[in-house]
C-alpha atoms as a PDB file:
ATOM      1  CA  UNK A   1       2.329  20.420  23.726  1.00  0.00           C
ATOM      2  CA  UNK A   2       0.806  17.747  26.214  1.00  0.00           C
ATOM      3  CA  UNK A   3      -0.509  20.229  28.727  1.00  0.00           C
ATOM      4  CA  UNK A   4       2.816  22.114  29.366  1.00  0.00           C
ATOM      5  CA  UNK A   5       4.506  24.942  27.682  1.00  0.00           C
ATOM      6  CA  UNK A   6       7.276  24.337  25.059  1.00  0.00           C
ATOM      7  CA  UNK A   7       9.652  26.324  26.818  1.00  0.00           C
ATOM      8  CA  UNK A   8       8.790  24.645  30.174  1.00  0.00           C
ATOM      9  CA  UNK A   9       9.746  21.228  28.441  1.00  0.00           C
ATOM     10  CA  UNK A  10      12.865  22.709  26.850  1.00  0.00           C
ATOM     11  CA  UNK A  11      11.656  21.768  23.402  1.00  0.00           C
ATOM     12  CA  UNK A  12      10.736  23.772  20.268  1.00  0.00           C
ATOM     13  CA  UNK A  13       8.382  22.813  17.516  1.00  0.00           C
ATOM     14  CA  UNK A  14       7.798  23.700  13.811  1.00  0.00           C
ATOM     15  CA  UNK A  15       5.778  23.006  10.937  1.00  0.00           C
ATOM     16  CA  UNK A  16       7.080  22.702   7.375  1.00  0.00           C
ATOM     17  CA  UNK A  17       4.536  23.070   4.596  1.00  0.00           C
ATOM     18  CA  UNK A  18       6.006  22.072   1.127  1.00  0.00           C
ATOM     19  CA  UNK A  19       4.046  21.398  -2.122  1.00  0.00           C
ATOM     20  CA  UNK A  20       5.460  18.985  -5.001  1.00  0.00           C
ATOM     21  CA  UNK A  21       3.794  18.017  -8.412  1.00  0.00           C
ATOM     22  CA  UNK A  22       2.001  14.798  -7.620  1.00  0.00           C
ATOM     23  CA  UNK A  23       3.555  11.805  -8.950  1.00  0.00           C
ATOM     24  CA  UNK A  24       7.125  13.043  -9.243  1.00  0.00           C
ATOM     25  CA  UNK A  25       8.549  11.608  -6.005  1.00  0.00           C
ATOM     26  CA  UNK A  26       8.131   8.117  -4.739  1.00  0.00           C
ATOM     27  CA  UNK A  27       6.932   7.133  -1.228  1.00  0.00           C
ATOM     28  CA  UNK A  28      10.373   6.533  -0.034  1.00  0.00           C
ATOM     29  CA  UNK A  29      11.801   9.911  -1.493  1.00  0.00           C
ATOM     30  CA  UNK A  30       9.197  11.597   0.472  1.00  0.00           C
ATOM     31  CA  UNK A  31       9.965   9.713   3.779  1.00  0.00           C
ATOM     32  CA  UNK A  32      13.645  10.411   3.329  1.00  0.00           C
ATOM     33  CA  UNK A  33      13.095  14.267   2.600  1.00  0.00           C
ATOM     34  CA  UNK A  34      10.750  14.368   5.747  1.00  0.00           C
ATOM     35  CA  UNK A  35      13.589  12.692   7.816  1.00  0.00           C
ATOM     36  CA  UNK A  36      16.007  15.171   6.218  1.00  0.00           C
ATOM     37  CA  UNK A  37      14.178  18.260   7.240  1.00  0.00           C
ATOM     38  CA  UNK A  38      13.234  17.039  10.894  1.00  0.00           C
ATOM     39  CA  UNK A  39      17.052  16.553  11.271  1.00  0.00           C
ATOM     40  CA  UNK A  40      17.916  19.810   9.721  1.00  0.00           C
ATOM     41  CA  UNK A  41      15.399  21.635  11.971  1.00  0.00           C
ATOM     42  CA  UNK A  42      16.976  19.704  15.072  1.00  0.00           C
ATOM     43  CA  UNK A  43      20.494  21.159  13.990  1.00  0.00           C
ATOM     44  CA  UNK A  44      18.784  24.549  13.963  1.00  0.00           C
ATOM     45  CA  UNK A  45      16.379  24.552  16.710  1.00  0.00           C
ATOM     46  CA  UNK A  46      17.459  22.026  19.207  1.00  0.00           C
ATOM     47  CA  UNK A  47      15.536  18.740  20.101  1.00  0.00           C
ATOM     48  CA  UNK A  48      12.116  19.641  18.793  1.00  0.00           C
ATOM     49  CA  UNK A  49       8.694  18.216  20.437  1.00  0.00           C
ATOM     50  CA  UNK A  50       7.559  15.229  18.605  1.00  0.00           C
ATOM     51  CA  UNK A  51       4.509  17.066  17.563  1.00  0.00           C
ATOM     52  CA  UNK A  52       6.407  18.961  14.912  1.00  0.00           C
ATOM     53  CA  UNK A  53       5.351  18.458  11.338  1.00  0.00           C
ATOM     54  CA  UNK A  54       6.517  18.330   7.592  1.00  0.00           C
ATOM     55  CA  UNK A  55       3.743  18.292   5.539  1.00  0.00           C
ATOM     56  CA  UNK A  56       4.080  17.388   1.660  1.00  0.00           C
ATOM     57  CA  UNK A  57       1.130  18.348  -0.304  1.00  0.00           C
ATOM     58  CA  UNK A  58       1.299  16.686  -3.869  1.00  0.00           C
ATOM     59  CA  UNK A  59      -0.542  19.042  -6.260  1.00  0.00           C
ATOM     60  CA  UNK A  60      -1.943  17.859  -9.636  1.00  0.00           C
ATOM     61  CA  UNK A  61       0.361  18.758 -12.401  1.00  0.00           C
ATOM     62  CA  UNK A  62      -2.353  20.727 -14.364  1.00  0.00           C
ATOM     63  CA  UNK A  63      -2.989  22.882 -11.024  1.00  0.00           C
ATOM     64  CA  UNK A  64       0.705  23.860 -10.452  1.00  0.00           C
ATOM     65  CA  UNK A  65       1.960  26.859 -12.262  1.00  0.00           C
ATOM     66  CA  UNK A  66       5.469  27.972 -12.885  1.00  0.00           C
ATOM     67  CA  UNK A  67       6.415  30.729 -15.216  1.00  0.00           C
ATOM     68  CA  UNK A  68       2.933  31.030 -16.587  1.00  0.00           C
ATOM     69  CA  UNK A  69       2.529  27.386 -17.436  1.00  0.00           C
ATOM     70  CA  UNK A  70       1.174  24.608 -15.783  1.00  0.00           C
ATOM     71  CA  UNK A  71       3.732  21.761 -14.774  1.00  0.00           C
ATOM     72  CA  UNK A  72       1.811  19.418 -17.102  1.00  0.00           C
ATOM     73  CA  UNK A  73       2.253  22.062 -20.100  1.00  0.00           C
ATOM     74  CA  UNK A  74       5.940  22.297 -18.766  1.00  0.00           C
ATOM     75  CA  UNK A  75       6.629  18.656 -19.041  1.00  0.00           C
ATOM     76  CA  UNK A  76       4.762  18.440 -22.364  1.00  0.00           C
ATOM     77  CA  UNK A  77       7.256  21.047 -23.916  1.00  0.00           C
ATOM     78  CA  UNK A  78      10.004  19.346 -22.504  1.00  0.00           C
ATOM     79  CA  UNK A  79       9.110  15.838 -23.860  1.00  0.00           C
ATOM     80  CA  UNK A  80       8.355  17.656 -27.539  1.00  0.00           C
ATOM     81  CA  UNK A  81      11.701  19.109 -27.488  1.00  0.00           C
ATOM     82  CA  UNK A  82      13.353  15.815 -26.519  1.00  0.00           C
ATOM     83  CA  UNK A  83      11.705  14.058 -29.625  1.00  0.00           C
END
């Protein structure tokens, strides 16, 4: 990183890749999540290089499957059951 090996800098690095259903989390919730993951990775790995990443993918509900149903179908079933 920055022209020097991480071990020479006594640093670590990480890349966390997460997927969530689009529209289910606010901007603030995602910011808190990213900060919490970064803090936990610091606890686990020591002081990480700032070039460490938490990437939150927001996937459309009709393109995200769980148990053979899309998240949109699951949400529709929950709403129908609640009515």
